[in-house]
Structure formats: structure tokens, C-alpha cells
């Protein structure tokens, strides 16, 4: 049986949620005829992917800068 790498396993829920949101928006827009709701749900896709990026991107520690006093 094949194993999914850890980095892909962490991204998978966000990719699946985004894809499901896309399918739901297409279903609302074309099948149900709810154009406004379909567009609204379609806007969830980039929001879900942005949330995944925000949560999964490591924050690098930035070194603190020391400012030296300028002598007169």
C-alpha cells in the first residue's frame, strides 16, 4: 500500500474542501438555478485555499535588528 507524504497529507483537507466547494457552487448555479448563491459559494474556494496557506506556512523567525545610536 502506498503512503502519502506528510506535507501532502496536511494539504489534502484544504484541497478537498476547496474542490467540494467548487462542485457545490456549480451545482447551485447550474442545476438549482440559484445564481447568486452559486457565486457566493464559489468565492469560498480561494478563501479555503488561503486559509490552508496561512495555517500551513511556517513562520520564519526574523532576527531583531539592533540600531546603533549615531554620534554627533
PDB file of N, CA and C in Angstrom:
ATOM      1  N   UNK A   1       0.842  -1.176   0.000  1.00  0.00           N
ATOM      2  CA  UNK A   1       0.000   0.000   0.000  1.00  0.00           C
ATOM      3  C   UNK A   1       0.887   1.238   0.000  1.00  0.00           C
ATOM      4  N   UNK A   2       0.462   2.253  -0.740  1.00  0.00           N
ATOM      5  CA  UNK A   2       1.332   3.418  -0.838  1.00  0.00           C
ATOM      6  C   UNK A   2       1.005   4.436   0.236  1.00  0.00           C
ATOM      7  N   UNK A   3       2.013   5.189   0.619  1.00  0.00           N
ATOM      8  CA  UNK A   3       1.888   6.141   1.717  1.00  0.00           C
ATOM      9  C   UNK A   3       1.940   7.568   1.173  1.00  0.00           C
ATOM     10  N   UNK A   4       1.089   8.414   1.709  1.00  0.00           N
ATOM     11  CA  UNK A   4       1.067   9.823   1.310  1.00  0.00           C
ATOM     12  C   UNK A   4       2.061  10.583   2.179  1.00  0.00           C
ATOM     13  N   UNK A   5       2.948  11.383   1.564  1.00  0.00           N
ATOM     14  CA  UNK A   5       3.906  12.171   2.354  1.00  0.00           C
ATOM     15  C   UNK A   5       3.191  13.117   3.324  1.00  0.00           C
ATOM     16  N   UNK A   6       3.863  13.452   4.395  1.00  0.00           N
ATOM     17  CA  UNK A   6       3.277  14.277   5.451  1.00  0.00           C
ATOM     18  C   UNK A   6       2.822  15.635   4.934  1.00  0.00           C
ATOM     19  N   UNK A   7       3.643  16.293   4.111  1.00  0.00           N
ATOM     20  CA  UNK A   7       3.261  17.622   3.620  1.00  0.00           C
ATOM     21  C   UNK A   7       2.001  17.557   2.758  1.00  0.00           C
ATOM     22  N   UNK A   8       1.828  16.497   1.988  1.00  0.00           N
ATOM     23  CA  UNK A   8       0.634  16.342   1.167  1.00  0.00           C
ATOM     24  C   UNK A   8      -0.578  15.992   2.031  1.00  0.00           C
ATOM     25  N   UNK A   9      -0.353  15.218   3.078  1.00  0.00           N
ATOM     26  CA  UNK A   9      -1.442  14.829   3.972  1.00  0.00           C
ATOM     27  C   UNK A   9      -2.016  16.050   4.696  1.00  0.00           C
ATOM     28  N   UNK A  10      -1.178  17.025   4.993  1.00  0.00           N
ATOM     29  CA  UNK A  10      -1.645  18.243   5.659  1.00  0.00           C
ATOM     30  C   UNK A  10      -2.429  19.134   4.706  1.00  0.00           C
ATOM     31  N   UNK A  11      -2.053  19.126   3.435  1.00  0.00           N
ATOM     32  CA  UNK A  11      -2.721  19.971   2.444  1.00  0.00           C
ATOM     33  C   UNK A  11      -4.024  19.362   1.931  1.00  0.00           C
ATOM     34  N   UNK A  12      -4.150  18.077   2.038  1.00  0.00           N
ATOM     35  CA  UNK A  12      -5.276  17.364   1.455  1.00  0.00           C
ATOM     36  C   UNK A  12      -6.646  17.856   1.939  1.00  0.00           C
ATOM     37  N   UNK A  13      -6.870  18.084   3.233  1.00  0.00           N
ATOM     38  CA  UNK A  13      -8.200  18.560   3.650  1.00  0.00           C
ATOM     39  C   UNK A  13      -8.598  19.893   3.017  1.00  0.00           C
ATOM     40  N   UNK A  14      -7.649  20.786   2.841  1.00  0.00           N
ATOM     41  CA  UNK A  14      -7.949  22.081   2.237  1.00  0.00           C
ATOM     42  C   UNK A  14      -8.228  21.934   0.743  1.00  0.00           C
ATOM     43  N   UNK A  15      -7.489  21.057   0.072  1.00  0.00           N
ATOM     44  CA  UNK A  15      -7.734  20.818  -1.348  1.00  0.00           C
ATOM     45  C   UNK A  15      -9.103  20.166  -1.558  1.00  0.00           C
ATOM     46  N   UNK A  16      -9.435  19.204  -0.724  1.00  0.00           N
ATOM     47  CA  UNK A  16     -10.737  18.530  -0.834  1.00  0.00           C
ATOM     48  C   UNK A  16     -11.862  19.502  -0.529  1.00  0.00           C
ATOM     49  N   UNK A  17     -11.707  20.310   0.517  1.00  0.00           N
ATOM     50  CA  UNK A  17     -12.748  21.282   0.870  1.00  0.00           C
ATOM     51  C   UNK A  17     -12.943  22.308  -0.254  1.00  0.00           C
ATOM     52  N   UNK A  18     -11.855  22.757  -0.847  1.00  0.00           N
ATOM     53  CA  UNK A  18     -11.959  23.701  -1.961  1.00  0.00           C
ATOM     54  C   UNK A  18     -12.640  23.084  -3.166  1.00  0.00           C
ATOM     55  N   UNK A  19     -12.306  21.839  -3.469  1.00  0.00           N
ATOM     56  CA  UNK A  19     -12.918  21.157  -4.604  1.00  0.00           C
ATOM     57  C   UNK A  19     -14.405  20.905  -4.355  1.00  0.00           C
ATOM     58  N   UNK A  20     -14.750  20.507  -3.131  1.00  0.00           N
ATOM     59  CA  UNK A  20     -16.153  20.277  -2.797  1.00  0.00           C
ATOM     60  C   UNK A  20     -16.950  21.586  -2.866  1.00  0.00           C
ATOM     61  N   UNK A  21     -16.346  22.676  -2.438  1.00  0.00           N
ATOM     62  CA  UNK A  21     -16.989  23.977  -2.530  1.00  0.00           C
ATOM     63  C   UNK A  21     -17.219  24.357  -3.989  1.00  0.00           C
ATOM     64  N   UNK A  22     -16.243  24.066  -4.825  1.00  0.00           N
ATOM     65  CA  UNK A  22     -16.382  24.340  -6.261  1.00  0.00           C
ATOM     66  C   UNK A  22     -17.528  23.533  -6.858  1.00  0.00           C
ATOM     67  N   UNK A  23     -17.575  22.237  -6.546  1.00  0.00           N
ATOM     68  CA  UNK A  23     -18.652  21.401  -7.067  1.00  0.00           C
ATOM     69  C   UNK A  23     -20.017  21.862  -6.571  1.00  0.00           C
ATOM     70  N   UNK A  24     -20.092  22.239  -5.295  1.00  0.00           N
ATOM     71  CA  UNK A  24     -21.342  22.722  -4.726  1.00  0.00           C
ATOM     72  C   UNK A  24     -21.790  24.011  -5.401  1.00  0.00           C
ATOM     73  N   UNK A  25     -20.838  24.905  -5.697  1.00  0.00           N
ATOM     74  CA  UNK A  25     -21.200  26.164  -6.347  1.00  0.00           C
ATOM     75  C   UNK A  25     -21.686  25.918  -7.776  1.00  0.00           C
ATOM     76  N   UNK A  26     -21.070  24.987  -8.487  1.00  0.00           N
ATOM     77  CA  UNK A  26     -21.514  24.655  -9.847  1.00  0.00           C
ATOM     78  C   UNK A  26     -22.917  24.048  -9.797  1.00  0.00           C
ATOM     79  N   UNK A  27     -23.157  23.185  -8.819  1.00  0.00           N
ATOM     80  CA  UNK A  27     -24.473  22.565  -8.665  1.00  0.00           C
ATOM     81  C   UNK A  27     -25.538  23.618  -8.362  1.00  0.00           C
ATOM     82  N   UNK A  28     -25.213  24.540  -7.459  1.00  0.00           N
ATOM     83  CA  UNK A  28     -26.174  25.603  -7.144  1.00  0.00           C
ATOM     84  C   UNK A  28     -26.457  26.473  -8.362  1.00  0.00           C
ATOM     85  N   UNK A  29     -25.408  26.835  -9.079  1.00  0.00           N
ATOM     86  CA  UNK A  29     -25.541  27.780 -10.180  1.00  0.00           C
ATOM     87  C   UNK A  29     -26.299  27.178 -11.361  1.00  0.00           C
ATOM     88  N   UNK A  30     -25.893  25.970 -11.784  1.00  0.00           N
ATOM     89  CA  UNK A  30     -26.459  25.395 -12.998  1.00  0.00           C
ATOM     90  C   UNK A  30     -27.663  24.490 -12.752  1.00  0.00           C
ATOM     91  N   UNK A  31     -27.624  23.659 -11.741  1.00  0.00           N
ATOM     92  CA  UNK A  31     -28.696  22.693 -11.523  1.00  0.00           C
ATOM     93  C   UNK A  31     -29.872  23.330 -10.800  1.00  0.00           C
ATOM     94  N   UNK A  32     -29.590  24.040  -9.709  1.00  0.00           N
ATOM     95  CA  UNK A  32     -30.664  24.635  -8.923  1.00  0.00           C
ATOM     96  C   UNK A  32     -31.116  26.001  -9.446  1.00  0.00           C
ATOM     97  N   UNK A  33     -30.291  26.622 -10.289  1.00  0.00           N
ATOM     98  CA  UNK A  33     -30.638  27.934 -10.817  1.00  0.00           C
ATOM     99  C   UNK A  33     -30.456  29.065  -9.819  1.00  0.00           C
ATOM    100  N   UNK A  34     -29.779  28.788  -8.738  1.00  0.00           N
ATOM    101  CA  UNK A  34     -29.504  29.804  -7.707  1.00  0.00           C
ATOM    102  C   UNK A  34     -28.186  30.502  -8.056  1.00  0.00           C
ATOM    103  N   UNK A  35     -28.266  31.469  -8.961  1.00  0.00           N
ATOM    104  CA  UNK A  35     -27.032  32.083  -9.455  1.00  0.00           C
ATOM    105  C   UNK A  35     -26.282  32.845  -8.367  1.00  0.00           C
ATOM    106  N   UNK A  36     -26.992  33.609  -7.553  1.00  0.00           N
ATOM    107  CA  UNK A  36     -26.330  34.392  -6.514  1.00  0.00           C
ATOM    108  C   UNK A  36     -25.671  33.489  -5.474  1.00  0.00           C
ATOM    109  N   UNK A  37     -26.376  32.446  -5.053  1.00  0.00           N
ATOM    110  CA  UNK A  37     -25.810  31.513  -4.079  1.00  0.00           C
ATOM    111  C   UNK A  37     -24.632  30.756  -4.681  1.00  0.00           C
ATOM    112  N   UNK A  38     -24.722  30.400  -5.959  1.00  0.00           N
ATOM    113  CA  UNK A  38     -23.611  29.706  -6.622  1.00  0.00           C
ATOM    114  C   UNK A  38     -22.353  30.548  -6.679  1.00  0.00           C
ATOM    115  N   UNK A  39     -22.527  31.835  -6.965  1.00  0.00           N
ATOM    116  CA  UNK A  39     -21.374  32.739  -6.993  1.00  0.00           C
ATOM    117  C   UNK A  39     -20.802  32.914  -5.597  1.00  0.00           C
ATOM    118  N   UNK A  40     -21.683  33.052  -4.607  1.00  0.00           N
ATOM    119  CA  UNK A  40     -21.232  33.221  -3.231  1.00  0.00           C
ATOM    120  C   UNK A  40     -20.424  32.013  -2.755  1.00  0.00           C
ATOM    121  N   UNK A  41     -20.932  30.822  -3.007  1.00  0.00           N
ATOM    122  CA  UNK A  41     -20.216  29.616  -2.587  1.00  0.00           C
ATOM    123  C   UNK A  41     -18.932  29.450  -3.401  1.00  0.00           C
ATOM    124  N   UNK A  42     -18.937  29.883  -4.652  1.00  0.00           N
ATOM    125  CA  UNK A  42     -17.723  29.820  -5.469  1.00  0.00           C
ATOM    126  C   UNK A  42     -16.603  30.685  -4.922  1.00  0.00           C
ATOM    127  N   UNK A  43     -16.974  31.743  -4.209  1.00  0.00           N
ATOM    128  CA  UNK A  43     -15.961  32.599  -3.591  1.00  0.00           C
ATOM    129  C   UNK A  43     -15.310  31.953  -2.379  1.00  0.00           C
ATOM    130  N   UNK A  44     -15.887  30.875  -1.886  1.00  0.00           N
ATOM    131  CA  UNK A  44     -15.280  30.165  -0.763  1.00  0.00           C
ATOM    132  C   UNK A  44     -13.980  29.477  -1.163  1.00  0.00           C
ATOM    133  N   UNK A  45     -13.857  29.075  -2.431  1.00  0.00           N
ATOM    134  CA  UNK A  45     -12.697  28.287  -2.869  1.00  0.00           C
ATOM    135  C   UNK A  45     -11.382  29.019  -2.591  1.00  0.00           C
ATOM    136  N   UNK A  46     -11.169  30.245  -3.061  1.00  0.00           N
ATOM    137  CA  UNK A  46      -9.905  30.905  -2.742  1.00  0.00           C
ATOM    138  C   UNK A  46      -9.745  31.193  -1.255  1.00  0.00           C
ATOM    139  N   UNK A  47     -10.863  31.388  -0.560  1.00  0.00           N
ATOM    140  CA  UNK A  47     -10.771  31.630   0.884  1.00  0.00           C
ATOM    141  C   UNK A  47     -10.282  30.386   1.612  1.00  0.00           C
ATOM    142  N   UNK A  48     -10.779  29.230   1.226  1.00  0.00           N
ATOM    143  CA  UNK A  48     -10.340  27.971   1.839  1.00  0.00           C
ATOM    144  C   UNK A  48      -8.869  27.722   1.541  1.00  0.00           C
ATOM    145  N   UNK A  49      -8.464  27.953   0.304  1.00  0.00           N
ATOM    146  CA  UNK A  49      -7.053  27.742  -0.052  1.00  0.00           C
ATOM    147  C   UNK A  49      -6.142  28.755   0.646  1.00  0.00           C
ATOM    148  N   UNK A  50      -6.610  29.984   0.804  1.00  0.00           N
ATOM    149  CA  UNK A  50      -5.821  30.981   1.531  1.00  0.00           C
ATOM    150  C   UNK A  50      -5.685  30.614   2.999  1.00  0.00           C
ATOM    151  N   UNK A  51      -6.751  30.106   3.594  1.00  0.00           N
ATOM    152  CA  UNK A  51      -6.678  29.656   4.981  1.00  0.00           C
ATOM    153  C   UNK A  51      -5.679  28.518   5.125  1.00  0.00           C
ATOM    154  N   UNK A  52      -5.689  27.584   4.189  1.00  0.00           N
ATOM    155  CA  UNK A  52      -4.724  26.488   4.220  1.00  0.00           C
ATOM    156  C   UNK A  52      -3.293  26.992   4.114  1.00  0.00           C
ATOM    157  N   UNK A  53      -3.070  27.957   3.246  1.00  0.00           N
ATOM    158  CA  UNK A  53      -1.737  28.532   3.110  1.00  0.00           C
ATOM    159  C   UNK A  53      -1.314  29.241   4.381  1.00  0.00           C
ATOM    160  N   UNK A  54      -2.239  29.983   4.972  1.00  0.00           N
ATOM    161  CA  UNK A  54      -1.939  30.709   6.206  1.00  0.00           C
ATOM    162  C   UNK A  54      -1.577  29.752   7.334  1.00  0.00           C
ATOM    163  N   UNK A  55      -2.330  28.679   7.470  1.00  0.00           N
ATOM    164  CA  UNK A  55      -2.112  27.759   8.575  1.00  0.00           C
ATOM    165  C   UNK A  55      -0.918  26.828   8.373  1.00  0.00           C
ATOM    166  N   UNK A  56      -0.578  26.535   7.130  1.00  0.00           N
ATOM    167  CA  UNK A  56       0.461  25.543   6.877  1.00  0.00           C
ATOM    168  C   UNK A  56       1.830  26.141   6.552  1.00  0.00           C
ATOM    169  N   UNK A  57       1.908  27.429   6.307  1.00  0.00           N
ATOM    170  CA  UNK A  57       3.196  28.055   6.003  1.00  0.00           C
ATOM    171  C   UNK A  57       3.935  28.347   7.297  1.00  0.00           C
ATOM    172  N   UNK A  58       5.149  27.813   7.420  1.00  0.00           N
ATOM    173  CA  UNK A  58       5.892  28.082   8.653  1.00  0.00           C
ATOM    174  C   UNK A  58       6.327  29.541   8.728  1.00  0.00           C
ATOM    175  N   UNK A  59       6.352  30.054   9.925  1.00  0.00           N
ATOM    176  CA  UNK A  59       6.773  31.433  10.147  1.00  0.00           C
ATOM    177  C   UNK A  59       8.244  31.416  10.518  1.00  0.00           C
ATOM    178  N   UNK A  60       9.041  32.102   9.713  1.00  0.00           N
ATOM    179  CA  UNK A  60      10.472  32.167   9.988  1.00  0.00           C
ATOM    180  C   UNK A  60      10.728  33.245  11.033  1.00  0.00           C
ATOM    181  N   UNK A  61      11.584  32.933  11.970  1.00  0.00           N
ATOM    182  CA  UNK A  61      11.967  33.926  12.971  1.00  0.00           C
ATOM    183  C   UNK A  61      12.887  34.940  12.313  1.00  0.00           C
ATOM    184  N   UNK A  62      12.463  36.189  12.346  1.00  0.00           N
ATOM    185  CA  UNK A  62      13.295  37.232  11.771  1.00  0.00           C
ATOM    186  C   UNK A  62      14.234  37.751  12.851  1.00  0.00           C
ATOM    187  N   UNK A  63      15.482  37.894  12.520  1.00  0.00           N
ATOM    188  CA  UNK A  63      16.419  38.394  13.532  1.00  0.00           C
ATOM    189  C   UNK A  63      16.099  39.843  13.881  1.00  0.00           C
ATOM    190  N   UNK A  64      16.227  40.140  15.135  1.00  0.00           N
ATOM    191  CA  UNK A  64      15.959  41.512  15.563  1.00  0.00           C
ATOM    192  C   UNK A  64      17.155  42.376  15.201  1.00  0.00           C
ATOM    193  N   UNK A  65      16.846  43.537  14.685  1.00  0.00           N
ATOM    194  CA  UNK A  65      17.922  44.439  14.283  1.00  0.00           C
ATOM    195  C   UNK A  65      18.265  45.341  15.450  1.00  0.00           C
ATOM    196  N   UNK A  66      19.517  45.561  15.599  1.00  0.00           N
ATOM    197  CA  UNK A  66      19.994  46.489  16.629  1.00  0.00           C
ATOM    198  C   UNK A  66      20.365  47.802  15.946  1.00  0.00           C
ATOM    199  N   UNK A  67      19.759  48.827  16.399  1.00  0.00           N
ATOM    200  CA  UNK A  67      20.069  50.133  15.844  1.00  0.00           C
ATOM    201  C   UNK A  67      21.090  50.810  16.752  1.00  0.00           C
ATOM    202  N   UNK A  68      22.166  51.196  16.142  1.00  0.00           N
ATOM    203  CA  UNK A  68      23.217  51.879  16.899  1.00  0.00           C
ATOM    204  C   UNK A  68      22.933  53.367  16.898  1.00  0.00           C
ATOM    205  N   UNK A  69      23.183  53.960  18.013  1.00  0.00           N
ATOM    206  CA  UNK A  69      22.976  55.395  18.090  1.00  0.00           C
ATOM    207  C   UNK A  69      24.045  56.104  17.276  1.00  0.00           C
ATOM    208  N   UNK A  70      23.586  57.061  16.538  1.00  0.00           N
ATOM    209  CA  UNK A  70      24.507  57.818  15.697  1.00  0.00           C
ATOM    210  C   UNK A  70      25.067  58.965  16.544  1.00  0.00           C
ATOM    211  N   UNK A  71      26.382  58.990  16.662  1.00  0.00           N
ATOM    212  CA  UNK A  71      27.023  60.043  17.440  1.00  0.00           C
ATOM    213  C   UNK A  71      27.036  61.357  16.672  1.00  0.00           C
ATOM    214  N   UNK A  72      26.996  62.492  17.404  1.00  0.00           N
ATOM    215  CA  UNK A  72      27.010  63.779  16.725  1.00  0.00           C
ATOM    216  C   UNK A  72      28.395  64.322  16.638  1.00  0.00           C
TER     217      UNK A  72
END
